[in-house]
N, C-alpha and C. Protein backbone atom coordinates (compact mmCIF):
# COMPACT_ATOMS: atom_id res chain seq x y z
N MET A 1 -66.10 103.67 -209.31
CA MET A 1 -66.19 102.68 -210.36
C MET A 1 -65.08 101.65 -210.18
N LYS A 2 -65.42 100.39 -210.35
CA LYS A 2 -64.45 99.31 -210.20
C LYS A 2 -63.54 99.22 -211.42
N SER A 3 -62.31 98.80 -211.18
CA SER A 3 -61.38 98.51 -212.26
C SER A 3 -61.64 97.10 -212.75
N LYS A 4 -61.34 96.84 -214.00
CA LYS A 4 -61.51 95.52 -214.60
C LYS A 4 -60.21 94.74 -214.50
N ALA A 5 -60.28 93.50 -214.03
CA ALA A 5 -59.13 92.60 -213.96
C ALA A 5 -59.52 91.28 -214.62
N VAL A 6 -58.72 90.84 -215.58
CA VAL A 6 -58.96 89.56 -216.24
C VAL A 6 -57.72 88.70 -216.05
N PHE A 7 -57.90 87.53 -215.49
CA PHE A 7 -56.81 86.59 -215.28
C PHE A 7 -56.93 85.49 -216.32
N TYR A 8 -55.94 85.40 -217.20
CA TYR A 8 -55.91 84.38 -218.25
C TYR A 8 -54.97 83.27 -217.83
N HIS A 9 -55.43 82.02 -218.01
CA HIS A 9 -54.56 80.88 -217.71
C HIS A 9 -54.96 79.68 -218.55
N ALA A 10 -54.14 78.62 -218.47
CA ALA A 10 -54.39 77.43 -219.28
C ALA A 10 -54.63 76.19 -218.42
N GLY A 11 -54.72 76.36 -217.12
CA GLY A 11 -55.03 75.24 -216.24
C GLY A 11 -53.85 74.47 -215.70
N CYS A 12 -52.64 74.84 -216.09
CA CYS A 12 -51.46 74.13 -215.59
C CYS A 12 -51.25 74.46 -214.11
N PRO A 13 -50.44 73.67 -213.40
CA PRO A 13 -50.22 73.94 -211.98
C PRO A 13 -49.69 75.35 -211.69
N VAL A 14 -48.80 75.86 -212.54
CA VAL A 14 -48.29 77.22 -212.36
C VAL A 14 -49.44 78.22 -212.44
N CYS A 15 -50.32 78.03 -213.42
CA CYS A 15 -51.45 78.94 -213.62
C CYS A 15 -52.42 78.89 -212.45
N VAL A 16 -52.74 77.69 -212.00
CA VAL A 16 -53.70 77.53 -210.90
C VAL A 16 -53.15 78.16 -209.62
N SER A 17 -51.88 77.97 -209.37
CA SER A 17 -51.24 78.57 -208.20
C SER A 17 -51.29 80.10 -208.29
N ALA A 18 -50.97 80.64 -209.45
CA ALA A 18 -51.00 82.09 -209.63
C ALA A 18 -52.42 82.62 -209.47
N GLU A 19 -53.39 81.89 -210.00
CA GLU A 19 -54.78 82.31 -209.85
C GLU A 19 -55.15 82.41 -208.38
N GLN A 20 -54.82 81.40 -207.62
CA GLN A 20 -55.15 81.40 -206.19
C GLN A 20 -54.48 82.55 -205.46
N GLN A 21 -53.25 82.86 -205.82
CA GLN A 21 -52.50 83.92 -205.13
C GLN A 21 -52.93 85.32 -205.55
N PHE A 22 -53.06 85.54 -206.84
CA PHE A 22 -53.31 86.89 -207.32
C PHE A 22 -54.78 87.28 -207.30
N VAL A 23 -55.62 86.41 -207.81
CA VAL A 23 -57.02 86.75 -207.93
C VAL A 23 -57.67 86.92 -206.55
N THR A 24 -57.33 86.06 -205.63
CA THR A 24 -57.92 86.18 -204.30
C THR A 24 -57.36 87.37 -203.53
N ALA A 25 -56.20 87.89 -203.94
CA ALA A 25 -55.60 89.04 -203.27
C ALA A 25 -56.23 90.36 -203.71
N LEU A 26 -56.92 90.35 -204.83
CA LEU A 26 -57.53 91.59 -205.33
C LEU A 26 -58.79 91.92 -204.53
N ASP A 27 -58.91 93.16 -204.13
CA ASP A 27 -60.06 93.63 -203.36
C ASP A 27 -61.30 93.66 -204.26
N PRO A 28 -62.31 92.85 -203.94
CA PRO A 28 -63.51 92.82 -204.79
C PRO A 28 -64.28 94.14 -204.80
N LYS A 29 -64.00 95.02 -203.85
CA LYS A 29 -64.63 96.34 -203.85
C LYS A 29 -63.98 97.26 -204.88
N GLN A 30 -62.74 96.93 -205.26
CA GLN A 30 -62.01 97.76 -206.21
C GLN A 30 -61.90 97.16 -207.60
N PHE A 31 -62.00 95.81 -207.69
CA PHE A 31 -61.79 95.13 -208.97
C PHE A 31 -62.94 94.20 -209.31
N ASP A 32 -63.38 94.29 -210.54
CA ASP A 32 -64.31 93.33 -211.11
C ASP A 32 -63.42 92.28 -211.78
N VAL A 33 -63.32 91.09 -211.17
CA VAL A 33 -62.37 90.06 -211.60
C VAL A 33 -63.08 89.00 -212.45
N GLU A 34 -62.46 88.69 -213.58
CA GLU A 34 -62.91 87.61 -214.45
C GLU A 34 -61.74 86.65 -214.64
N VAL A 35 -62.00 85.36 -214.49
CA VAL A 35 -60.99 84.33 -214.72
C VAL A 35 -61.33 83.63 -216.03
N VAL A 36 -60.35 83.57 -216.93
CA VAL A 36 -60.55 82.94 -218.24
C VAL A 36 -59.58 81.78 -218.37
N HIS A 37 -60.11 80.57 -218.42
CA HIS A 37 -59.33 79.35 -218.62
C HIS A 37 -59.30 79.09 -220.12
N LEU A 38 -58.18 79.40 -220.75
CA LEU A 38 -58.08 79.31 -222.21
C LEU A 38 -58.12 77.87 -222.72
N GLY A 39 -57.86 76.91 -221.83
CA GLY A 39 -57.98 75.51 -222.24
C GLY A 39 -59.42 75.10 -222.46
N THR A 40 -60.32 75.68 -221.69
CA THR A 40 -61.74 75.35 -221.83
C THR A 40 -62.53 76.45 -222.54
N GLN A 41 -61.88 77.60 -222.74
CA GLN A 41 -62.52 78.72 -223.44
C GLN A 41 -61.60 79.21 -224.57
N PRO A 42 -61.28 78.35 -225.53
CA PRO A 42 -60.36 78.76 -226.59
C PRO A 42 -60.88 79.92 -227.44
N ASP A 43 -62.18 80.15 -227.41
CA ASP A 43 -62.76 81.28 -228.14
C ASP A 43 -62.32 82.63 -227.57
N ARG A 44 -61.70 82.62 -226.38
CA ARG A 44 -61.23 83.86 -225.74
C ARG A 44 -59.77 84.17 -226.05
N LEU A 45 -59.11 83.32 -226.85
CA LEU A 45 -57.71 83.58 -227.23
C LEU A 45 -57.55 84.93 -227.90
N GLY A 46 -58.48 85.29 -228.75
CA GLY A 46 -58.42 86.58 -229.44
C GLY A 46 -58.47 87.74 -228.46
N ASP A 47 -59.31 87.62 -227.42
CA ASP A 47 -59.39 88.66 -226.39
C ASP A 47 -58.04 88.81 -225.69
N ALA A 48 -57.43 87.67 -225.36
CA ALA A 48 -56.14 87.70 -224.68
C ALA A 48 -55.07 88.35 -225.55
N LYS A 49 -55.05 87.99 -226.83
CA LYS A 49 -54.07 88.58 -227.75
C LYS A 49 -54.26 90.08 -227.89
N ARG A 50 -55.51 90.51 -228.03
CA ARG A 50 -55.79 91.94 -228.17
C ARG A 50 -55.40 92.72 -226.90
N ALA A 51 -55.43 92.04 -225.76
CA ALA A 51 -55.04 92.68 -224.49
C ALA A 51 -53.52 92.72 -224.32
N GLY A 52 -52.78 92.08 -225.23
CA GLY A 52 -51.32 92.09 -225.15
C GLY A 52 -50.73 90.91 -224.41
N VAL A 53 -51.54 89.91 -224.12
CA VAL A 53 -51.05 88.72 -223.43
C VAL A 53 -50.23 87.88 -224.41
N VAL A 54 -49.02 87.49 -224.02
CA VAL A 54 -48.17 86.65 -224.86
C VAL A 54 -47.88 85.30 -224.21
N SER A 55 -48.12 85.20 -222.89
CA SER A 55 -47.95 83.94 -222.20
C SER A 55 -48.89 83.92 -220.99
N VAL A 56 -49.17 82.72 -220.54
CA VAL A 56 -50.02 82.57 -219.36
C VAL A 56 -49.24 81.88 -218.26
N PRO A 57 -49.55 82.19 -217.03
CA PRO A 57 -50.64 83.03 -216.55
C PRO A 57 -50.33 84.52 -216.71
N ALA A 58 -51.39 85.27 -216.92
CA ALA A 58 -51.27 86.72 -217.06
C ALA A 58 -52.50 87.38 -216.45
N LEU A 59 -52.27 88.51 -215.85
CA LEU A 59 -53.34 89.30 -215.27
C LEU A 59 -53.39 90.62 -216.02
N VAL A 60 -54.55 90.94 -216.56
CA VAL A 60 -54.73 92.19 -217.28
C VAL A 60 -55.54 93.12 -216.39
N LEU A 61 -54.92 94.23 -215.98
CA LEU A 61 -55.57 95.22 -215.13
C LEU A 61 -55.80 96.48 -215.94
N ASP A 62 -57.06 96.84 -216.09
CA ASP A 62 -57.40 98.05 -216.85
C ASP A 62 -56.71 98.10 -218.20
N GLY A 63 -56.63 96.96 -218.88
CA GLY A 63 -56.07 96.90 -220.22
C GLY A 63 -54.57 96.72 -220.30
N ALA A 64 -53.88 96.67 -219.16
CA ALA A 64 -52.42 96.50 -219.16
C ALA A 64 -52.07 95.09 -218.70
N PRO A 65 -51.38 94.29 -219.55
CA PRO A 65 -51.05 92.91 -219.18
C PRO A 65 -49.83 92.83 -218.25
N PHE A 66 -49.94 91.95 -217.28
CA PHE A 66 -48.85 91.62 -216.38
C PHE A 66 -48.61 90.13 -216.48
N HIS A 67 -47.46 89.74 -217.00
CA HIS A 67 -47.12 88.33 -217.15
C HIS A 67 -46.49 87.86 -215.84
N ILE A 68 -47.19 87.00 -215.14
CA ILE A 68 -46.84 86.63 -213.77
C ILE A 68 -45.70 85.63 -213.73
N ASN A 69 -45.77 84.62 -214.53
CA ASN A 69 -44.79 83.54 -214.56
C ASN A 69 -44.92 82.91 -215.94
N PHE A 70 -43.97 82.14 -216.34
CA PHE A 70 -44.09 81.54 -217.66
C PHE A 70 -44.62 80.12 -217.55
N GLY A 71 -45.86 79.94 -217.96
CA GLY A 71 -46.48 78.62 -217.98
C GLY A 71 -46.52 78.08 -219.41
N ALA A 72 -47.00 78.92 -220.33
CA ALA A 72 -47.10 78.54 -221.75
C ALA A 72 -47.23 79.78 -222.60
N LYS A 73 -46.66 79.75 -223.81
CA LYS A 73 -46.85 80.83 -224.76
C LYS A 73 -48.29 80.77 -225.26
N LEU A 74 -48.87 81.92 -225.48
CA LEU A 74 -50.22 81.96 -226.00
C LEU A 74 -50.30 81.29 -227.37
N SER A 75 -49.24 81.43 -228.15
CA SER A 75 -49.22 80.82 -229.48
C SER A 75 -49.27 79.28 -229.39
N ASP A 76 -48.79 78.68 -228.29
CA ASP A 76 -48.87 77.24 -228.12
C ASP A 76 -50.31 76.78 -227.88
N LEU A 77 -51.14 77.67 -227.37
CA LEU A 77 -52.53 77.33 -227.10
C LEU A 77 -53.41 77.48 -228.33
N ASP A 78 -52.89 78.17 -229.32
CA ASP A 78 -53.66 78.49 -230.53
C ASP A 78 -53.36 77.49 -231.64
N ALA A 79 -53.36 76.22 -231.28
CA ALA A 79 -53.04 75.20 -232.28
C ALA A 79 -54.28 74.57 -232.86
């Protein structure tokens, strides 16, 4: 069974760079990867918060958030 990976970002250069580096590095045989751009999908902010994401970019693997770099606080996107 594949593990679930969700990459949350806001479209900034830091986020896009992290997406290219991390998401493409994940083995598609092992991970079901979903990319969520919170700038264009603000309805997914609640999902990110429930997953424990506090800033983007962040990668959530099997329900555990990993904050990769500081691009923006999630609360700044929820305006």
